[in-house]
């Protein structure tokens, strides 16, 4: 089992009520959400550093990436979203 640290988090009451409807394991749910956000941040940083080094992604590169991620080109997607 991974080491854990107990913390106190303050959330809006409405969010806590909805959270408890979704899961009996609030700590696990929150830990998963935090891990997802950390991964998102790290990927965004990697993409930012890549573009600093190699230049901005072209529309063709963005379309190819969207096709790989979503299975088909998404004409409504914005190219500036990392």
PDB file of N, CA and C in Angstrom:
ATOM      1  N   UNK A   1       0.834  -1.176   0.000  1.00  0.00           N
ATOM      2  CA  UNK A   1       0.000   0.000   0.000  1.00  0.00           C
ATOM      3  C   UNK A   1       0.882   1.244   0.000  1.00  0.00           C
ATOM      4  N   UNK A   2       0.488   2.255  -0.780  1.00  0.00           N
ATOM      5  CA  UNK A   2       1.252   3.497  -0.883  1.00  0.00           C
ATOM      6  C   UNK A   2       1.158   4.281   0.411  1.00  0.00           C
ATOM      7  N   UNK A   3       2.226   5.022   0.708  1.00  0.00           N
ATOM      8  CA  UNK A   3       2.178   5.906   1.864  1.00  0.00           C
ATOM      9  C   UNK A   3       1.085   6.940   1.649  1.00  0.00           C
ATOM     10  N   UNK A   4       0.439   7.331   2.724  1.00  0.00           N
ATOM     11  CA  UNK A   4      -0.608   8.346   2.639  1.00  0.00           C
ATOM     12  C   UNK A   4      -0.380   9.399   3.715  1.00  0.00           C
ATOM     13  N   UNK A   5      -0.936  10.559   3.486  1.00  0.00           N
ATOM     14  CA  UNK A   5      -0.910  11.655   4.441  1.00  0.00           C
ATOM     15  C   UNK A   5      -2.327  12.173   4.582  1.00  0.00           C
ATOM     16  N   UNK A   6      -2.748  12.333   5.795  1.00  0.00           N
ATOM     17  CA  UNK A   6      -4.097  12.843   6.046  1.00  0.00           C
ATOM     18  C   UNK A   6      -4.072  14.364   5.971  1.00  0.00           C
ATOM     19  N   UNK A   7      -4.992  14.945   5.183  1.00  0.00           N
ATOM     20  CA  UNK A   7      -5.123  16.390   5.076  1.00  0.00           C
ATOM     21  C   UNK A   7      -6.592  16.767   5.222  1.00  0.00           C
ATOM     22  N   UNK A   8      -6.832  18.028   5.418  1.00  0.00           N
ATOM     23  CA  UNK A   8      -8.199  18.545   5.460  1.00  0.00           C
ATOM     24  C   UNK A   8      -8.406  19.386   4.219  1.00  0.00           C
ATOM     25  N   UNK A   9      -9.513  19.138   3.529  1.00  0.00           N
ATOM     26  CA  UNK A   9      -9.850  19.879   2.320  1.00  0.00           C
ATOM     27  C   UNK A   9     -11.231  20.477   2.511  1.00  0.00           C
ATOM     28  N   UNK A  10     -11.386  21.732   2.138  1.00  0.00           N
ATOM     29  CA  UNK A  10     -12.678  22.391   2.225  1.00  0.00           C
ATOM     30  C   UNK A  10     -13.276  22.473   0.827  1.00  0.00           C
ATOM     31  N   UNK A  11     -14.494  21.965   0.687  1.00  0.00           N
ATOM     32  CA  UNK A  11     -15.205  21.977  -0.593  1.00  0.00           C
ATOM     33  C   UNK A  11     -16.583  22.586  -0.391  1.00  0.00           C
ATOM     34  N   UNK A  12     -17.147  23.135  -1.461  1.00  0.00           N
ATOM     35  CA  UNK A  12     -18.522  23.617  -1.364  1.00  0.00           C
ATOM     36  C   UNK A  12     -19.458  22.463  -0.988  1.00  0.00           C
ATOM     37  N   UNK A  13     -20.436  22.747  -0.150  1.00  0.00           N
ATOM     38  CA  UNK A  13     -21.371  21.729   0.338  1.00  0.00           C
ATOM     39  C   UNK A  13     -22.028  20.980  -0.806  1.00  0.00           C
ATOM     40  N   UNK A  14     -22.414  21.692  -1.857  1.00  0.00           N
ATOM     41  CA  UNK A  14     -23.082  21.047  -2.990  1.00  0.00           C
ATOM     42  C   UNK A  14     -22.174  20.011  -3.649  1.00  0.00           C
ATOM     43  N   UNK A  15     -20.883  20.322  -3.737  1.00  0.00           N
ATOM     44  CA  UNK A  15     -19.950  19.365  -4.334  1.00  0.00           C
ATOM     45  C   UNK A  15     -19.805  18.130  -3.460  1.00  0.00           C
ATOM     46  N   UNK A  16     -19.756  18.314  -2.156  1.00  0.00           N
ATOM     47  CA  UNK A  16     -19.634  17.178  -1.241  1.00  0.00           C
ATOM     48  C   UNK A  16     -20.868  16.292  -1.344  1.00  0.00           C
ATOM     49  N   UNK A  17     -22.032  16.892  -1.416  1.00  0.00           N
ATOM     50  CA  UNK A  17     -23.270  16.112  -1.544  1.00  0.00           C
ATOM     51  C   UNK A  17     -23.261  15.284  -2.821  1.00  0.00           C
ATOM     52  N   UNK A  18     -22.848  15.889  -3.939  1.00  0.00           N
ATOM     53  CA  UNK A  18     -22.778  15.155  -5.209  1.00  0.00           C
ATOM     54  C   UNK A  18     -21.697  14.091  -5.174  1.00  0.00           C
ATOM     55  N   UNK A  19     -20.576  14.404  -4.554  1.00  0.00           N
ATOM     56  CA  UNK A  19     -19.481  13.447  -4.433  1.00  0.00           C
ATOM     57  C   UNK A  19     -19.917  12.202  -3.675  1.00  0.00           C
ATOM     58  N   UNK A  20     -20.636  12.386  -2.596  1.00  0.00           N
ATOM     59  CA  UNK A  20     -21.097  11.249  -1.800  1.00  0.00           C
ATOM     60  C   UNK A  20     -22.124  10.410  -2.546  1.00  0.00           C
ATOM     61  N   UNK A  21     -22.812  11.005  -3.520  1.00  0.00           N
ATOM     62  CA  UNK A  21     -23.735  10.229  -4.359  1.00  0.00           C
ATOM     63  C   UNK A  21     -22.960   9.343  -5.337  1.00  0.00           C
ATOM     64  N   UNK A  22     -21.751   9.785  -5.688  1.00  0.00           N
ATOM     65  CA  UNK A  22     -20.947   9.069  -6.676  1.00  0.00           C
ATOM     66  C   UNK A  22     -20.116   7.938  -6.105  1.00  0.00           C
ATOM     67  N   UNK A  23     -19.713   8.072  -4.831  1.00  0.00           N
ATOM     68  CA  UNK A  23     -18.778   7.099  -4.283  1.00  0.00           C
ATOM     69  C   UNK A  23     -18.896   6.980  -2.777  1.00  0.00           C
ATOM     70  N   UNK A  24     -18.565   5.796  -2.281  1.00  0.00           N
ATOM     71  CA  UNK A  24     -18.430   5.596  -0.840  1.00  0.00           C
ATOM     72  C   UNK A  24     -16.993   5.840  -0.398  1.00  0.00           C
ATOM     73  N   UNK A  25     -16.072   5.949  -1.362  1.00  0.00           N
ATOM     74  CA  UNK A  25     -14.658   6.143  -1.072  1.00  0.00           C
ATOM     75  C   UNK A  25     -14.241   7.535  -1.536  1.00  0.00           C
ATOM     76  N   UNK A  26     -14.582   8.542  -0.749  1.00  0.00           N
ATOM     77  CA  UNK A  26     -14.290   9.922  -1.119  1.00  0.00           C
ATOM     78  C   UNK A  26     -12.788  10.136  -1.263  1.00  0.00           C
ATOM     79  N   UNK A  27     -11.993   9.611  -0.344  1.00  0.00           N
ATOM     80  CA  UNK A  27     -10.541   9.779  -0.420  1.00  0.00           C
ATOM     81  C   UNK A  27      -9.984   9.202  -1.718  1.00  0.00           C
ATOM     82  N   UNK A  28     -10.417   8.019  -2.084  1.00  0.00           N
ATOM     83  CA  UNK A  28      -9.952   7.402  -3.319  1.00  0.00           C
ATOM     84  C   UNK A  28     -10.364   8.191  -4.542  1.00  0.00           C
ATOM     85  N   UNK A  29     -11.584   8.682  -4.525  1.00  0.00           N
ATOM     86  CA  UNK A  29     -12.100   9.474  -5.643  1.00  0.00           C
ATOM     87  C   UNK A  29     -11.284  10.755  -5.801  1.00  0.00           C
ATOM     88  N   UNK A  30     -11.041  11.438  -4.682  1.00  0.00           N
ATOM     89  CA  UNK A  30     -10.270  12.680  -4.716  1.00  0.00           C
ATOM     90  C   UNK A  30      -8.829  12.396  -5.134  1.00  0.00           C
ATOM     91  N   UNK A  31      -8.229  11.329  -4.630  1.00  0.00           N
ATOM     92  CA  UNK A  31      -6.854  10.975  -4.997  1.00  0.00           C
ATOM     93  C   UNK A  31      -6.755  10.722  -6.499  1.00  0.00           C
ATOM     94  N   UNK A  32      -7.739  10.037  -7.070  1.00  0.00           N
ATOM     95  CA  UNK A  32      -7.744   9.774  -8.506  1.00  0.00           C
ATOM     96  C   UNK A  32      -7.873  11.075  -9.293  1.00  0.00           C
ATOM     97  N   UNK A  33      -8.729  11.977  -8.833  1.00  0.00           N
ATOM     98  CA  UNK A  33      -8.901  13.266  -9.508  1.00  0.00           C
ATOM     99  C   UNK A  33      -7.619  14.087  -9.447  1.00  0.00           C
ATOM    100  N   UNK A  34      -6.952  14.083  -8.308  1.00  0.00           N
ATOM    101  CA  UNK A  34      -5.693  14.819  -8.166  1.00  0.00           C
ATOM    102  C   UNK A  34      -4.628  14.214  -9.077  1.00  0.00           C
ATOM    103  N   UNK A  35      -4.534  12.895  -9.121  1.00  0.00           N
ATOM    104  CA  UNK A  35      -3.557  12.238  -9.994  1.00  0.00           C
ATOM    105  C   UNK A  35      -3.806  12.599 -11.454  1.00  0.00           C
ATOM    106  N   UNK A  36      -5.069  12.637 -11.862  1.00  0.00           N
ATOM    107  CA  UNK A  36      -5.420  13.000 -13.240  1.00  0.00           C
ATOM    108  C   UNK A  36      -4.987  14.441 -13.536  1.00  0.00           C
ATOM    109  N   UNK A  37      -5.216  15.345 -12.601  1.00  0.00           N
ATOM    110  CA  UNK A  37      -4.821  16.740 -12.798  1.00  0.00           C
ATOM    111  C   UNK A  37      -3.301  16.883 -12.867  1.00  0.00           C
ATOM    112  N   UNK A  38      -2.586  16.139 -12.046  1.00  0.00           N
ATOM    113  CA  UNK A  38      -1.126  16.174 -12.083  1.00  0.00           C
ATOM    114  C   UNK A  38      -0.628  15.675 -13.437  1.00  0.00           C
ATOM    115  N   UNK A  39      -1.194  14.561 -13.933  1.00  0.00           N
ATOM    116  CA  UNK A  39      -0.802  14.058 -15.256  1.00  0.00           C
ATOM    117  C   UNK A  39      -1.078  15.101 -16.334  1.00  0.00           C
ATOM    118  N   UNK A  40      -2.246  15.737 -16.263  1.00  0.00           N
ATOM    119  CA  UNK A  40      -2.620  16.768 -17.233  1.00  0.00           C
ATOM    120  C   UNK A  40      -1.594  17.904 -17.218  1.00  0.00           C
ATOM    121  N   UNK A  41      -1.220  18.332 -16.032  1.00  0.00           N
ATOM    122  CA  UNK A  41      -0.240  19.407 -15.889  1.00  0.00           C
ATOM    123  C   UNK A  41       1.117  18.998 -16.476  1.00  0.00           C
ATOM    124  N   UNK A  42       1.571  17.787 -16.174  1.00  0.00           N
ATOM    125  CA  UNK A  42       2.864  17.317 -16.675  1.00  0.00           C
ATOM    126  C   UNK A  42       2.869  17.203 -18.193  1.00  0.00           C
ATOM    127  N   UNK A  43       1.785  16.707 -18.763  1.00  0.00           N
ATOM    128  CA  UNK A  43       1.690  16.603 -20.224  1.00  0.00           C
ATOM    129  C   UNK A  43       1.698  17.991 -20.845  1.00  0.00           C
ATOM    130  N   UNK A  44       0.938  18.916 -20.266  1.00  0.00           N
ATOM    131  CA  UNK A  44       0.911  20.290 -20.790  1.00  0.00           C
ATOM    132  C   UNK A  44       2.300  20.912 -20.754  1.00  0.00           C
ATOM    133  N   UNK A  45       3.042  20.678 -19.678  1.00  0.00           N
ATOM    134  CA  UNK A  45       4.407  21.199 -19.577  1.00  0.00           C
ATOM    135  C   UNK A  45       5.319  20.575 -20.631  1.00  0.00           C
ATOM    136  N   UNK A  46       5.181  19.263 -20.846  1.00  0.00           N
ATOM    137  CA  UNK A  46       5.981  18.601 -21.887  1.00  0.00           C
ATOM    138  C   UNK A  46       5.675  19.188 -23.263  1.00  0.00           C
ATOM    139  N   UNK A  47       4.383  19.392 -23.550  1.00  0.00           N
ATOM    140  CA  UNK A  47       3.995  19.960 -24.840  1.00  0.00           C
ATOM    141  C   UNK A  47       4.507  21.390 -24.989  1.00  0.00           C
ATOM    142  N   UNK A  48       4.447  22.168 -23.922  1.00  0.00           N
ATOM    143  CA  UNK A  48       4.945  23.544 -23.966  1.00  0.00           C
ATOM    144  C   UNK A  48       6.447  23.563 -24.265  1.00  0.00           C
ATOM    145  N   UNK A  49       7.204  22.713 -23.555  1.00  0.00           N
ATOM    146  CA  UNK A  49       8.651  22.660 -23.780  1.00  0.00           C
ATOM    147  C   UNK A  49       8.971  22.189 -25.207  1.00  0.00           C
ATOM    148  N   UNK A  50       8.225  21.201 -25.696  1.00  0.00           N
ATOM    149  CA  UNK A  50       8.437  20.713 -27.057  1.00  0.00           C
ATOM    150  C   UNK A  50       8.227  21.838 -28.069  1.00  0.00           C
ATOM    151  N   UNK A  51       7.138  22.587 -27.890  1.00  0.00           N
ATOM    152  CA  UNK A  51       6.845  23.665 -28.840  1.00  0.00           C
ATOM    153  C   UNK A  51       7.859  24.803 -28.734  1.00  0.00           C
ATOM    154  N   UNK A  52       8.406  25.051 -27.558  1.00  0.00           N
ATOM    155  CA  UNK A  52       9.464  26.048 -27.425  1.00  0.00           C
ATOM    156  C   UNK A  52      10.688  25.634 -28.240  1.00  0.00           C
ATOM    157  N   UNK A  53      10.965  24.349 -28.226  1.00  0.00           N
ATOM    158  CA  UNK A  53      12.148  23.807 -28.896  1.00  0.00           C
ATOM    159  C   UNK A  53      11.912  23.627 -30.398  1.00  0.00           C
ATOM    160  N   UNK A  54      10.735  23.115 -30.774  1.00  0.00           N
ATOM    161  CA  UNK A  54      10.474  22.694 -32.159  1.00  0.00           C
ATOM    162  C   UNK A  54       9.543  23.622 -32.928  1.00  0.00           C
ATOM    163  N   UNK A  55       8.882  24.545 -32.248  1.00  0.00           N
ATOM    164  CA  UNK A  55       7.912  25.416 -32.907  1.00  0.00           C
ATOM    165  C   UNK A  55       6.497  24.912 -32.661  1.00  0.00           C
ATOM    166  N   UNK A  56       5.545  25.780 -32.931  1.00  0.00           N
ATOM    167  CA  UNK A  56       4.132  25.467 -32.696  1.00  0.00           C
ATOM    168  C   UNK A  56       3.680  24.313 -33.581  1.00  0.00           C
ATOM    169  N   UNK A  57       2.726  23.551 -33.072  1.00  0.00           N
ATOM    170  CA  UNK A  57       2.143  22.459 -33.853  1.00  0.00           C
ATOM    171  C   UNK A  57       1.361  23.041 -35.026  1.00  0.00           C
ATOM    172  N   UNK A  58       1.450  22.362 -36.170  1.00  0.00           N
ATOM    173  CA  UNK A  58       0.674  22.784 -37.342  1.00  0.00           C
ATOM    174  C   UNK A  58      -0.751  22.254 -37.202  1.00  0.00           C
ATOM    175  N   UNK A  59      -1.647  22.794 -38.010  1.00  0.00           N
ATOM    176  CA  UNK A  59      -3.033  22.303 -38.023  1.00  0.00           C
ATOM    177  C   UNK A  59      -3.072  20.824 -38.400  1.00  0.00           C
ATOM    178  N   UNK A  60      -2.202  20.420 -39.320  1.00  0.00           N
ATOM    179  CA  UNK A  60      -2.156  19.017 -39.733  1.00  0.00           C
ATOM    180  C   UNK A  60      -1.734  18.125 -38.566  1.00  0.00           C
ATOM    181  N   UNK A  61      -0.732  18.566 -37.807  1.00  0.00           N
ATOM    182  CA  UNK A  61      -0.287  17.795 -36.639  1.00  0.00           C
ATOM    183  C   UNK A  61      -1.399  17.709 -35.592  1.00  0.00           C
ATOM    184  N   UNK A  62      -2.101  18.818 -35.393  1.00  0.00           N
ATOM    185  CA  UNK A  62      -3.200  18.816 -34.421  1.00  0.00           C
ATOM    186  C   UNK A  62      -4.323  17.889 -34.880  1.00  0.00           C
ATOM    187  N   UNK A  63      -4.648  17.905 -36.170  1.00  0.00           N
ATOM    188  CA  UNK A  63      -5.692  17.028 -36.695  1.00  0.00           C
ATOM    189  C   UNK A  63      -5.294  15.562 -36.526  1.00  0.00           C
ATOM    190  N   UNK A  64      -4.031  15.254 -36.791  1.00  0.00           N
ATOM    191  CA  UNK A  64      -3.548  13.882 -36.629  1.00  0.00           C
ATOM    192  C   UNK A  64      -3.624  13.449 -35.163  1.00  0.00           C
ATOM    193  N   UNK A  65      -3.238  14.347 -34.261  1.00  0.00           N
ATOM    194  CA  UNK A  65      -3.296  14.032 -32.837  1.00  0.00           C
ATOM    195  C   UNK A  65      -4.736  13.805 -32.386  1.00  0.00           C
ATOM    196  N   UNK A  66      -5.657  14.672 -32.820  1.00  0.00           N
ATOM    197  CA  UNK A  66      -7.075  14.498 -32.459  1.00  0.00           C
ATOM    198  C   UNK A  66      -7.610  13.169 -32.978  1.00  0.00           C
ATOM    199  N   UNK A  67      -7.211  12.805 -34.213  1.00  0.00           N
ATOM    200  CA  UNK A  67      -7.671  11.544 -34.789  1.00  0.00           C
ATOM    201  C   UNK A  67      -7.172  10.359 -33.971  1.00  0.00           C
ATOM    202  N   UNK A  68      -5.921  10.444 -33.508  1.00  0.00           N
ATOM    203  CA  UNK A  68      -5.370   9.359 -32.697  1.00  0.00           C
ATOM    204  C   UNK A  68      -6.031   9.289 -31.328  1.00  0.00           C
ATOM    205  N   UNK A  69      -6.325  10.431 -30.754  1.00  0.00           N
ATOM    206  CA  UNK A  69      -6.922  10.465 -29.420  1.00  0.00           C
ATOM    207  C   UNK A  69      -8.395  10.101 -29.457  1.00  0.00           C
ATOM    208  N   UNK A  70      -9.133  10.703 -30.386  1.00  0.00           N
ATOM    209  CA  UNK A  70     -10.588  10.557 -30.406  1.00  0.00           C
ATOM    210  C   UNK A  70     -11.093   9.589 -31.464  1.00  0.00           C
ATOM    211  N   UNK A  71     -10.198   9.088 -32.311  1.00  0.00           N
ATOM    212  CA  UNK A  71     -10.605   8.103 -33.310  1.00  0.00           C
ATOM    213  C   UNK A  71     -11.035   8.704 -34.627  1.00  0.00           C
ATOM    214  N   UNK A  72     -11.218   9.993 -34.686  1.00  0.00           N
ATOM    215  CA  UNK A  72     -11.597  10.665 -35.924  1.00  0.00           C
ATOM    216  C   UNK A  72     -11.269  12.136 -35.761  1.00  0.00           C
ATOM    217  N   UNK A  73     -11.028  12.797 -36.869  1.00  0.00           N
ATOM    218  CA  UNK A  73     -10.748  14.236 -36.804  1.00  0.00           C
ATOM    219  C   UNK A  73     -11.966  14.947 -36.240  1.00  0.00           C
ATOM    220  N   UNK A  74     -11.730  15.865 -35.332  1.00  0.00           N
ATOM    221  CA  UNK A  74     -12.804  16.629 -34.705  1.00  0.00           C
ATOM    222  C   UNK A  74     -12.718  18.057 -35.224  1.00  0.00           C
ATOM    223  N   UNK A  75     -13.498  18.388 -36.267  1.00  0.00           N
ATOM    224  CA  UNK A  75     -13.382  19.707 -36.869  1.00  0.00           C
ATOM    225  C   UNK A  75     -13.732  20.849 -35.918  1.00  0.00           C
ATOM    226  N   UNK A  76     -14.458  20.570 -34.855  1.00  0.00           N
ATOM    227  CA  UNK A  76     -14.835  21.620 -33.922  1.00  0.00           C
ATOM    228  C   UNK A  76     -13.829  21.871 -32.825  1.00  0.00           C
ATOM    229  N   UNK A  77     -12.781  21.046 -32.748  1.00  0.00           N
ATOM    230  CA  UNK A  77     -11.801  21.184 -31.673  1.00  0.00           C
ATOM    231  C   UNK A  77     -10.875  22.342 -31.949  1.00  0.00           C
ATOM    232  N   UNK A  78     -10.442  22.991 -30.895  1.00  0.00           N
ATOM    233  CA  UNK A  78      -9.520  24.118 -31.005  1.00  0.00           C
ATOM    234  C   UNK A  78      -8.090  23.605 -31.002  1.00  0.00           C
ATOM    235  N   UNK A  79      -7.249  24.162 -31.829  1.00  0.00           N
ATOM    236  CA  UNK A  79      -5.858  23.744 -31.930  1.00  0.00           C
ATOM    237  C   UNK A  79      -5.019  24.253 -30.776  1.00  0.00           C
ATOM    238  N   UNK A  80      -5.486  25.273 -30.058  1.00  0.00           N
ATOM    239  CA  UNK A  80      -4.668  25.843 -28.995  1.00  0.00           C
ATOM    240  C   UNK A  80      -4.882  25.192 -27.640  1.00  0.00           C
ATOM    241  N   UNK A  81      -5.672  24.134 -27.571  1.00  0.00           N
ATOM    242  CA  UNK A  81      -5.918  23.443 -26.305  1.00  0.00           C
ATOM    243  C   UNK A  81      -4.875  22.357 -26.146  1.00  0.00           C
ATOM    244  N   UNK A  82      -4.162  22.403 -25.025  1.00  0.00           N
ATOM    245  CA  UNK A  82      -3.116  21.395 -24.778  1.00  0.00           C
ATOM    246  C   UNK A  82      -3.645  20.256 -23.970  1.00  0.00           C
TER     247      UNK A  82
END
